[in-house]
Amino acid sequence: MNRIDQLFKTKTEGVLSIYFTAGFPQLEDTLPIMEALEAAGADIIEIGMPYSDPVADGPTIQESNKVALDNGMSMKRLFEQLKDMRKTVALPVVLMGYLNPIMQYGMEAFCKKCQEVGVDGLILPDLPMQQYLDEYKEMFDQYDLRNTFLVSPQTSEERIREIDQKSDGFIYMVSSHSITGAKSGISEEQVAYFDRVKAMELKNPRLIGFGISDHATYTTASSFSNGAIIGSAFIKVLQNAENLQQDIKNYIQAVKNG
């Protein structure tokens, strides 16, 4: 069974998904960060595939993309770093990024490589639903890759239901109509949106991301969904880390336990 499906079968609340950019802060940090996340108690690992124009991302993640590319990170290098990951990492692993570099690599070659190294799912914010259904769904299914779509406060109920029907894995609920980045607290407007989607009783689990950074925002987000996704705040931890393993452990424990 796909590891994402397996996780949500056994854990339905407080799922913590952590995003970081491959090849940041140092080129060869990718696998050590994954191992530290697993040891610290994260539930899903989201690896950002660096791209020169990450349009949905705020300054923190944009900067990490630039550093990773300057370090020499590429798709080929990433797959080399992940080729033995299943010897030490059991958590579900999702690759997140933009279509352009994947198309350059070749979509089928990319999916095949994902299956080879043990990747479980993809988040491609600029892949339109119709294109996914027409061109890629069959291929993703063939290589056992779950595809995650994003919904935001602006997404209509009709659209959310269509996404729920035509995708699997989990739904990524963007907490606000903005770029990524850690923000303070969660507004009443966001809570109304979380409530609205919760009441729709979708078949897919939901994780809330964008603006989740600490125990308070993680707990609030988790009370309206199956869990939360942290990106920018974790990138800052990596940026300032003096001891990667220890600092990752301290941060994850603080998010989960306060």
C-alpha atoms as a PDB file:
ATOM      1  CA  MET A   1       0.000   0.000   0.000  1.00  0.00           C
ATOM      2  CA  ASN A   2       1.153   3.549  -0.765  1.00  0.00           C
ATOM      3  CA  ARG A   3       2.729   5.050   2.386  1.00  0.00           C
ATOM      4  CA  ILE A   4       0.487   8.140   2.276  1.00  0.00           C
ATOM      5  CA  ASP A   5      -2.642   5.948   2.255  1.00  0.00           C
ATOM      6  CA  GLN A   6      -1.147   3.821   5.006  1.00  0.00           C
ATOM      7  CA  LEU A   7      -0.418   6.847   7.209  1.00  0.00           C
ATOM      8  CA  PHE A   8      -3.949   8.252   6.990  1.00  0.00           C
ATOM      9  CA  LYS A   9      -5.419   4.814   7.670  1.00  0.00           C
ATOM     10  CA  THR A  10      -3.629   4.699  10.984  1.00  0.00           C
ATOM     11  CA  LYS A  11      -3.459   8.392  11.912  1.00  0.00           C
ATOM     12  CA  THR A  12      -6.352  10.779  11.337  1.00  0.00           C
ATOM     13  CA  GLU A  13      -5.393  13.768  13.451  1.00  0.00           C
ATOM     14  CA  GLY A  14      -2.365  15.914  14.228  1.00  0.00           C
ATOM     15  CA  VAL A  15      -0.465  14.746  11.130  1.00  0.00           C
ATOM     16  CA  LEU A  16       2.645  16.901  10.804  1.00  0.00           C
ATOM     17  CA  SER A  17       4.085  17.362   7.336  1.00  0.00           C
ATOM     18  CA  ILE A  18       7.376  19.225   7.026  1.00  0.00           C
ATOM     19  CA  TYR A  19       8.631  20.912   3.859  1.00  0.00           C
ATOM     20  CA  PHE A  20      12.232  21.764   3.071  1.00  0.00           C
ATOM     21  CA  THR A  21      14.166  22.581  -0.090  1.00  0.00           C
ATOM     22  CA  ALA A  22      16.489  19.866  -1.428  1.00  0.00           C
ATOM     23  CA  GLY A  23      20.141  20.920  -1.332  1.00  0.00           C
ATOM     24  CA  PHE A  24      19.632  23.584   1.359  1.00  0.00           C
ATOM     25  CA  PRO A  25      21.420  24.796   3.429  1.00  0.00           C
ATOM     26  CA  GLN A  26      24.202  22.588   2.013  1.00  0.00           C
ATOM     27  CA  LEU A  27      24.033  20.473  -1.127  1.00  0.00           C
ATOM     28  CA  GLU A  28      24.318  17.120   0.669  1.00  0.00           C
ATOM     29  CA  ASP A  29      21.970  17.959   3.580  1.00  0.00           C
ATOM     30  CA  THR A  30      18.885  16.409   1.931  1.00  0.00           C
ATOM     31  CA  LEU A  31      19.071  12.890   3.390  1.00  0.00           C
ATOM     32  CA  PRO A  32      20.428  13.925   6.829  1.00  0.00           C
ATOM     33  CA  ILE A  33      17.470  16.339   7.188  1.00  0.00           C
ATOM     34  CA  MET A  34      15.020  13.566   6.250  1.00  0.00           C
ATOM     35  CA  GLU A  35      16.558  11.200   8.790  1.00  0.00           C
ATOM     36  CA  ALA A  36      16.455  13.889  11.483  1.00  0.00           C
ATOM     37  CA  LEU A  37      12.770  14.628  10.709  1.00  0.00           C
ATOM     38  CA  GLU A  38      11.846  10.975  11.047  1.00  0.00           C
ATOM     39  CA  ALA A  39      13.749  10.654  14.329  1.00  0.00           C
ATOM     40  CA  ALA A  40      12.104  13.839  15.652  1.00  0.00           C
ATOM     41  CA  GLY A  41       8.552  12.620  15.028  1.00  0.00           C
ATOM     42  CA  ALA A  42       7.373  14.228  11.779  1.00  0.00           C
ATOM     43  CA  ASP A  43       4.742  12.239   9.830  1.00  0.00           C
ATOM     44  CA  ILE A  44       5.302  13.278   6.194  1.00  0.00           C
ATOM     45  CA  ILE A  45       8.369  14.714   4.470  1.00  0.00           C
ATOM     46  CA  GLU A  46       7.823  17.176   1.620  1.00  0.00           C
ATOM     47  CA  ILE A  47      10.921  17.863  -0.430  1.00  0.00           C
ATOM     48  CA  GLY A  48      10.977  21.009  -2.531  1.00  0.00           C
ATOM     49  CA  MET A  49      12.584  20.586  -5.951  1.00  0.00           C
ATOM     50  CA  PRO A  50      14.463  23.874  -6.398  1.00  0.00           C
ATOM     51  CA  TYR A  51      13.350  26.052  -9.283  1.00  0.00           C
ATOM     52  CA  SER A  52      14.469  29.498 -10.394  1.00  0.00           C
ATOM     53  CA  ASP A  53      10.945  30.943 -10.402  1.00  0.00           C
ATOM     54  CA  PRO A  54       8.912  29.510  -7.483  1.00  0.00           C
ATOM     55  CA  VAL A  55       5.849  31.731  -7.991  1.00  0.00           C
ATOM     56  CA  ALA A  56       3.689  30.557  -5.061  1.00  0.00           C
ATOM     57  CA  ASP A  57       6.495  30.908  -2.555  1.00  0.00           C
ATOM     58  CA  GLY A  58       7.422  33.733  -0.228  1.00  0.00           C
ATOM     59  CA  PRO A  59      10.907  35.204   0.289  1.00  0.00           C
ATOM     60  CA  THR A  60      12.139  32.503   2.712  1.00  0.00           C
ATOM     61  CA  ILE A  61      11.481  29.578   0.369  1.00  0.00           C
ATOM     62  CA  GLN A  62      12.513  31.608  -2.705  1.00  0.00           C
ATOM     63  CA  GLU A  63      15.853  32.297  -1.065  1.00  0.00           C
ATOM     64  CA  SER A  64      16.318  28.613  -0.160  1.00  0.00           C
ATOM     65  CA  ASN A  65      15.643  27.719  -3.826  1.00  0.00           C
ATOM     66  CA  LYS A  66      18.323  30.158  -4.937  1.00  0.00           C
ATOM     67  CA  VAL A  67      20.867  28.843  -2.412  1.00  0.00           C
ATOM     68  CA  ALA A  68      20.131  25.217  -3.396  1.00  0.00           C
ATOM     69  CA  LEU A  69      20.546  25.969  -7.112  1.00  0.00           C
ATOM     70  CA  ASP A  70      23.772  27.891  -6.404  1.00  0.00           C
ATOM     71  CA  ASN A  71      24.928  24.838  -4.412  1.00  0.00           C
ATOM     72  CA  GLY A  72      24.518  22.785  -7.599  1.00  0.00           C
ATOM     73  CA  MET A  73      21.211  21.050  -6.876  1.00  0.00           C
ATOM     74  CA  SER A  74      19.449  19.512  -9.877  1.00  0.00           C
ATOM     75  CA  MET A  75      16.791  16.883 -10.475  1.00  0.00           C
ATOM     76  CA  LYS A  76      19.469  14.332 -11.344  1.00  0.00           C
ATOM     77  CA  ARG A  77      21.374  15.133  -8.152  1.00  0.00           C
ATOM     78  CA  LEU A  78      18.205  14.895  -6.065  1.00  0.00           C
ATOM     79  CA  PHE A  79      17.417  11.397  -7.316  1.00  0.00           C
ATOM     80  CA  GLU A  80      21.030  10.387  -6.598  1.00  0.00           C
ATOM     81  CA  GLN A  81      20.602  11.638  -3.023  1.00  0.00           C
ATOM     82  CA  LEU A  82      17.319   9.743  -2.629  1.00  0.00           C
ATOM     83  CA  LYS A  83      18.356   6.446  -4.203  1.00  0.00           C
ATOM     84  CA  ASP A  84      19.062   4.737  -0.858  1.00  0.00           C
ATOM     85  CA  MET A  85      16.650   6.724   1.316  1.00  0.00           C
ATOM     86  CA  ARG A  86      14.400   3.722   1.989  1.00  0.00           C
ATOM     87  CA  LYS A  87      17.253   2.065   3.918  1.00  0.00           C
ATOM     88  CA  THR A  88      16.892   4.716   6.632  1.00  0.00           C
ATOM     89  CA  VAL A  89      13.602   6.584   6.074  1.00  0.00           C
ATOM     90  CA  ALA A  90      10.192   4.905   6.449  1.00  0.00           C
ATOM     91  CA  LEU A  91       7.961   8.015   6.357  1.00  0.00           C
ATOM     92  CA  PRO A  92       5.878   8.986   3.315  1.00  0.00           C
ATOM     93  CA  VAL A  93       7.921  11.237   1.011  1.00  0.00           C
ATOM     94  CA  VAL A  94       6.322  13.791  -1.302  1.00  0.00           C
ATOM     95  CA  LEU A  95       8.132  15.851  -3.932  1.00  0.00           C
ATOM     96  CA  MET A  96       6.835  19.389  -4.363  1.00  0.00           C
ATOM     97  CA  GLY A  97       7.668  21.724  -7.178  1.00  0.00           C
ATOM     98  CA  TYR A  98       6.829  23.183 -10.543  1.00  0.00           C
ATOM     99  CA  LEU A  99       6.135  21.543 -13.870  1.00  0.00           C
ATOM    100  CA  ASN A 100       8.898  23.155 -15.908  1.00  0.00           C
ATOM    101  CA  PRO A 101      11.919  21.228 -14.515  1.00  0.00           C
ATOM    102  CA  ILE A 102       9.898  17.987 -14.556  1.00  0.00           C
ATOM    103  CA  MET A 103       8.943  18.451 -18.199  1.00  0.00           C
ATOM    104  CA  GLN A 104      12.609  19.063 -19.004  1.00  0.00           C
ATOM    105  CA  TYR A 105      13.516  15.841 -17.191  1.00  0.00           C
ATOM    106  CA  GLY A 106      10.678  14.001 -18.956  1.00  0.00           C
ATOM    107  CA  MET A 107       7.419  13.247 -17.121  1.00  0.00           C
ATOM    108  CA  GLU A 108       7.529   9.475 -17.490  1.00  0.00           C
ATOM    109  CA  ALA A 109      11.241   9.271 -16.674  1.00  0.00           C
ATOM    110  CA  PHE A 110      10.512  11.402 -13.601  1.00  0.00           C
ATOM    111  CA  CYS A 111       7.601   9.206 -12.421  1.00  0.00           C
ATOM    112  CA  LYS A 112       9.633   6.052 -12.990  1.00  0.00           C
ATOM    113  CA  LYS A 113      12.529   7.467 -10.978  1.00  0.00           C
ATOM    114  CA  CYS A 114      10.124   8.463  -8.180  1.00  0.00           C
ATOM    115  CA  GLN A 115       8.896   4.882  -7.941  1.00  0.00           C
ATOM    116  CA  GLU A 116      12.463   3.511  -8.076  1.00  0.00           C
ATOM    117  CA  VAL A 117      13.714   5.577  -5.123  1.00  0.00           C
ATOM    118  CA  GLY A 118      10.473   5.245  -3.105  1.00  0.00           C
ATOM    119  CA  VAL A 119       8.691   8.600  -3.505  1.00  0.00           C
ATOM    120  CA  ASP A 120       4.983   8.339  -2.586  1.00  0.00           C
ATOM    121  CA  GLY A 121       3.402  11.484  -3.932  1.00  0.00           C
ATOM    122  CA  LEU A 122       3.658  14.799  -5.750  1.00  0.00           C
ATOM    123  CA  ILE A 123       2.475  18.356  -5.171  1.00  0.00           C
ATOM    124  CA  LEU A 124       2.671  20.387  -8.377  1.00  0.00           C
ATOM    125  CA  PRO A 125       0.864  23.704  -7.784  1.00  0.00           C
ATOM    126  CA  ASP A 126       0.971  24.743 -11.445  1.00  0.00           C
ATOM    127  CA  LEU A 127      -0.432  21.468 -12.860  1.00  0.00           C
ATOM    128  CA  PRO A 128      -4.024  22.195 -13.961  1.00  0.00           C
ATOM    129  CA  MET A 129      -6.606  19.585 -12.958  1.00  0.00           C
ATOM    130  CA  GLN A 130      -7.740  18.974 -16.544  1.00  0.00           C
ATOM    131  CA  GLN A 131      -4.195  18.459 -17.807  1.00  0.00           C
ATOM    132  CA  TYR A 132      -3.566  16.043 -14.940  1.00  0.00           C
ATOM    133  CA  LEU A 133      -6.690  14.027 -15.799  1.00  0.00           C
ATOM    134  CA  ASP A 134      -6.085  14.049 -19.573  1.00  0.00           C
ATOM    135  CA  GLU A 135      -2.343  13.465 -19.665  1.00  0.00           C
ATOM    136  CA  TYR A 136      -0.889  12.269 -16.388  1.00  0.00           C
ATOM    137  CA  LYS A 137      -3.359  10.556 -14.054  1.00  0.00           C
ATOM    138  CA  GLU A 138      -2.905   7.159 -15.666  1.00  0.00           C
ATOM    139  CA  MET A 139       0.871   7.520 -15.508  1.00  0.00           C
ATOM    140  CA  PHE A 140       0.841   8.636 -11.857  1.00  0.00           C
ATOM    141  CA  ASP A 141      -1.372   5.648 -10.997  1.00  0.00           C
ATOM    142  CA  GLN A 142       0.932   3.297 -12.893  1.00  0.00           C
ATOM    143  CA  TYR A 143       3.900   4.433 -10.781  1.00  0.00           C
ATOM    144  CA  ASP A 144       1.821   4.506  -7.551  1.00  0.00           C
ATOM    145  CA  LEU A 145       2.173   8.267  -7.060  1.00  0.00           C
ATOM    146  CA  ARG A 146      -0.511  10.176  -5.170  1.00  0.00           C
ATOM    147  CA  ASN A 147      -1.150  13.633  -6.581  1.00  0.00           C
ATOM    148  CA  THR A 148      -2.129  16.434  -4.216  1.00  0.00           C
ATOM    149  CA  PHE A 149      -4.064  19.531  -5.280  1.00  0.00           C
ATOM    150  CA  LEU A 150      -4.246  22.818  -3.418  1.00  0.00           C
ATOM    151  CA  VAL A 151      -7.445  24.600  -2.407  1.00  0.00           C
ATOM    152  CA  SER A 152      -7.683  28.108  -0.957  1.00  0.00           C
ATOM    153  CA  PRO A 153     -10.340  30.315   0.678  1.00  0.00           C
ATOM    154  CA  GLN A 154     -11.232  31.475  -2.849  1.00  0.00           C
ATOM    155  CA  THR A 155     -11.867  27.931  -4.181  1.00  0.00           C
ATOM    156  CA  SER A 156     -15.573  27.288  -4.780  1.00  0.00           C
ATOM    157  CA  GLU A 157     -17.368  24.389  -3.126  1.00  0.00           C
ATOM    158  CA  GLU A 158     -17.990  22.869  -6.553  1.00  0.00           C
ATOM    159  CA  ARG A 159     -14.279  22.973  -7.367  1.00  0.00           C
ATOM    160  CA  ILE A 160     -13.267  21.550  -3.977  1.00  0.00           C
ATOM    161  CA  ARG A 161     -15.667  18.641  -4.488  1.00  0.00           C
ATOM    162  CA  GLU A 162     -14.281  18.018  -7.971  1.00  0.00           C
ATOM    163  CA  ILE A 163     -10.719  17.972  -6.611  1.00  0.00           C
ATOM    164  CA  ASP A 164     -11.830  15.605  -3.855  1.00  0.00           C
ATOM    165  CA  GLN A 165     -13.475  13.242  -6.351  1.00  0.00           C
ATOM    166  CA  LYS A 166     -10.655  13.213  -8.879  1.00  0.00           C
ATOM    167  CA  SER A 167      -7.577  13.048  -6.671  1.00  0.00           C
ATOM    168  CA  ASP A 168      -6.241  10.923  -3.854  1.00  0.00           C
ATOM    169  CA  GLY A 169      -3.632  11.072  -1.116  1.00  0.00           C
ATOM    170  CA  PHE A 170      -4.621  14.279   0.669  1.00  0.00           C
ATOM    171  CA  ILE A 171      -5.874  17.782  -0.070  1.00  0.00           C
ATOM    172  CA  TYR A 172      -3.560  20.701   0.654  1.00  0.00           C
ATOM    173  CA  MET A 173      -5.620  23.505   2.167  1.00  0.00           C
ATOM    174  CA  VAL A 174      -3.827  26.806   1.655  1.00  0.00           C
ATOM    175  CA  SER A 175      -4.762  28.787   4.760  1.00  0.00           C
ATOM    176  CA  SER A 176      -4.903  32.183   3.082  1.00  0.00           C
ATOM    177  CA  HIS A 177      -4.824  33.734  -0.359  1.00  0.00           C
ATOM    178  CA  SER A 178      -1.144  34.658  -0.277  1.00  0.00           C
ATOM    179  CA  ILE A 179       2.350  33.368  -0.841  1.00  0.00           C
ATOM    180  CA  THR A 180       3.977  30.973   1.622  1.00  0.00           C
ATOM    181  CA  GLY A 181       5.531  32.314   4.790  1.00  0.00           C
ATOM    182  CA  ALA A 182       5.207  32.078   8.553  1.00  0.00           C
ATOM    183  CA  LYS A 183       2.582  34.494   9.884  1.00  0.00           C
ATOM    184  CA  SER A 184       1.414  35.164  13.404  1.00  0.00           C
ATOM    185  CA  GLY A 185      -1.806  33.506  14.450  1.00  0.00           C
ATOM    186  CA  ILE A 186      -4.870  32.396  12.516  1.00  0.00           C
ATOM    187  CA  SER A 187      -7.658  34.886  11.744  1.00  0.00           C
ATOM    188  CA  GLU A 188     -11.429  34.484  12.205  1.00  0.00           C
ATOM    189  CA  GLU A 189     -11.791  34.613   8.431  1.00  0.00           C
ATOM    190  CA  GLN A 190      -9.434  31.625   8.090  1.00  0.00           C
ATOM    191  CA  VAL A 191     -11.310  29.724  10.787  1.00  0.00           C
ATOM    192  CA  ALA A 192     -14.583  30.269   8.879  1.00  0.00           C
ATOM    193  CA  TYR A 193     -12.956  28.800   5.765  1.00  0.00           C
ATOM    194  CA  PHE A 194     -11.543  25.811   7.708  1.00  0.00           C
ATOM    195  CA  ASP A 195     -15.016  25.223   9.152  1.00  0.00           C
ATOM    196  CA  ARG A 196     -16.695  25.462   5.754  1.00  0.00           C
ATOM    197  CA  VAL A 197     -14.401  22.815   4.227  1.00  0.00           C
ATOM    198  CA  LYS A 198     -14.627  20.573   7.297  1.00  0.00           C
ATOM    199  CA  ALA A 199     -18.430  20.599   6.991  1.00  0.00           C
ATOM    200  CA  MET A 200     -18.160  19.300   3.404  1.00  0.00           C
ATOM    201  CA  GLU A 201     -17.050  15.884   4.750  1.00  0.00           C
ATOM    202  CA  LEU A 202     -14.642  15.173   1.902  1.00  0.00           C
ATOM    203  CA  LYS A 203     -13.333  11.660   1.219  1.00  0.00           C
ATOM    204  CA  ASN A 204      -9.668  12.769   1.216  1.00  0.00           C
ATOM    205  CA  PRO A 205      -7.798  13.814   4.350  1.00  0.00           C
ATOM    206  CA  ARG A 206      -6.950  17.544   4.561  1.00  0.00           C
ATOM    207  CA  LEU A 207      -3.729  19.197   5.686  1.00  0.00           C
ATOM    208  CA  ILE A 208      -3.556  22.956   6.269  1.00  0.00           C
ATOM    209  CA  GLY A 209      -0.457  24.857   5.162  1.00  0.00           C
ATOM    210  CA  PHE A 210       0.889  28.414   4.607  1.00  0.00           C
ATOM    211  CA  GLY A 211       1.425  30.376   7.825  1.00  0.00           C
ATOM    212  CA  ILE A 212       1.794  27.392  10.182  1.00  0.00           C
ATOM    213  CA  SER A 213       4.919  27.869  12.272  1.00  0.00           C
ATOM    214  CA  ASP A 214       4.580  26.853  15.911  1.00  0.00           C
ATOM    215  CA  HIS A 215       2.619  24.807  18.446  1.00  0.00           C
ATOM    216  CA  ALA A 216      -0.331  27.243  18.556  1.00  0.00           C
ATOM    217  CA  THR A 217      -0.881  27.454  14.774  1.00  0.00           C
ATOM    218  CA  TYR A 218      -0.262  23.709  14.349  1.00  0.00           C
ATOM    219  CA  THR A 219      -2.822  22.874  17.058  1.00  0.00           C
ATOM    220  CA  THR A 220      -5.432  25.276  15.670  1.00  0.00           C
ATOM    221  CA  ALA A 221      -4.971  24.001  12.106  1.00  0.00           C
ATOM    222  CA  SER A 222      -5.139  20.394  13.316  1.00  0.00           C
ATOM    223  CA  SER A 223      -8.431  21.012  15.100  1.00  0.00           C
ATOM    224  CA  PHE A 224     -10.079  21.800  11.744  1.00  0.00           C
ATOM    225  CA  SER A 225      -8.316  19.164   9.617  1.00  0.00           C
ATOM    226  CA  ASN A 226      -6.175  16.026   9.766  1.00  0.00           C
ATOM    227  CA  GLY A 227      -3.034  18.034  10.407  1.00  0.00           C
ATOM    228  CA  ALA A 228      -0.738  20.777   9.211  1.00  0.00           C
ATOM    229  CA  ILE A 229       2.143  21.536   6.884  1.00  0.00           C
ATOM    230  CA  ILE A 230       5.114  23.668   7.931  1.00  0.00           C
ATOM    231  CA  GLY A 231       7.527  25.098   5.373  1.00  0.00           C
ATOM    232  CA  SER A 232       9.007  28.590   5.772  1.00  0.00           C
ATOM    233  CA  ALA A 233       9.382  28.363   9.556  1.00  0.00           C
ATOM    234  CA  PHE A 234      11.308  25.103   9.181  1.00  0.00           C
ATOM    235  CA  ILE A 235      13.527  26.593   6.437  1.00  0.00           C
ATOM    236  CA  LYS A 236      14.446  29.325   8.957  1.00  0.00           C
ATOM    237  CA  VAL A 237      15.389  26.635  11.495  1.00  0.00           C
ATOM    238  CA  LEU A 238      17.726  25.090   8.912  1.00  0.00           C
ATOM    239  CA  GLN A 239      19.124  28.482   7.985  1.00  0.00           C
ATOM    240  CA  ASN A 240      20.101  29.231  11.579  1.00  0.00           C
ATOM    241  CA  ALA A 241      21.000  25.690  12.668  1.00  0.00           C
ATOM    242  CA  GLU A 242      24.263  25.160  14.494  1.00  0.00           C
ATOM    243  CA  ASN A 243      23.641  21.454  15.015  1.00  0.00           C
ATOM    244  CA  LEU A 244      21.278  20.199  12.305  1.00  0.00           C
ATOM    245  CA  GLN A 245      20.073  17.009  14.051  1.00  0.00           C
ATOM    246  CA  GLN A 246      19.569  18.616  17.449  1.00  0.00           C
ATOM    247  CA  ASP A 247      17.964  21.824  16.185  1.00  0.00           C
ATOM    248  CA  ILE A 248      15.526  19.880  13.996  1.00  0.00           C
ATOM    249  CA  LYS A 249      14.609  17.652  16.936  1.00  0.00           C
ATOM    250  CA  ASN A 250      14.075  20.629  19.264  1.00  0.00           C
ATOM    251  CA  TYR A 251      11.883  22.428  16.742  1.00  0.00           C
ATOM    252  CA  ILE A 252       9.647  19.444  15.861  1.00  0.00           C
ATOM    253  CA  GLN A 253       9.196  18.588  19.543  1.00  0.00           C
ATOM    254  CA  ALA A 254       8.275  22.218  20.314  1.00  0.00           C
ATOM    255  CA  VAL A 255       5.691  22.284  17.487  1.00  0.00           C
ATOM    256  CA  LYS A 256       4.107  19.012  18.604  1.00  0.00           C
ATOM    257  CA  ASN A 257       4.264  19.433  22.360  1.00  0.00           C
ATOM    258  CA  GLY A 258       4.496  23.196  22.932  1.00  0.00           C
END
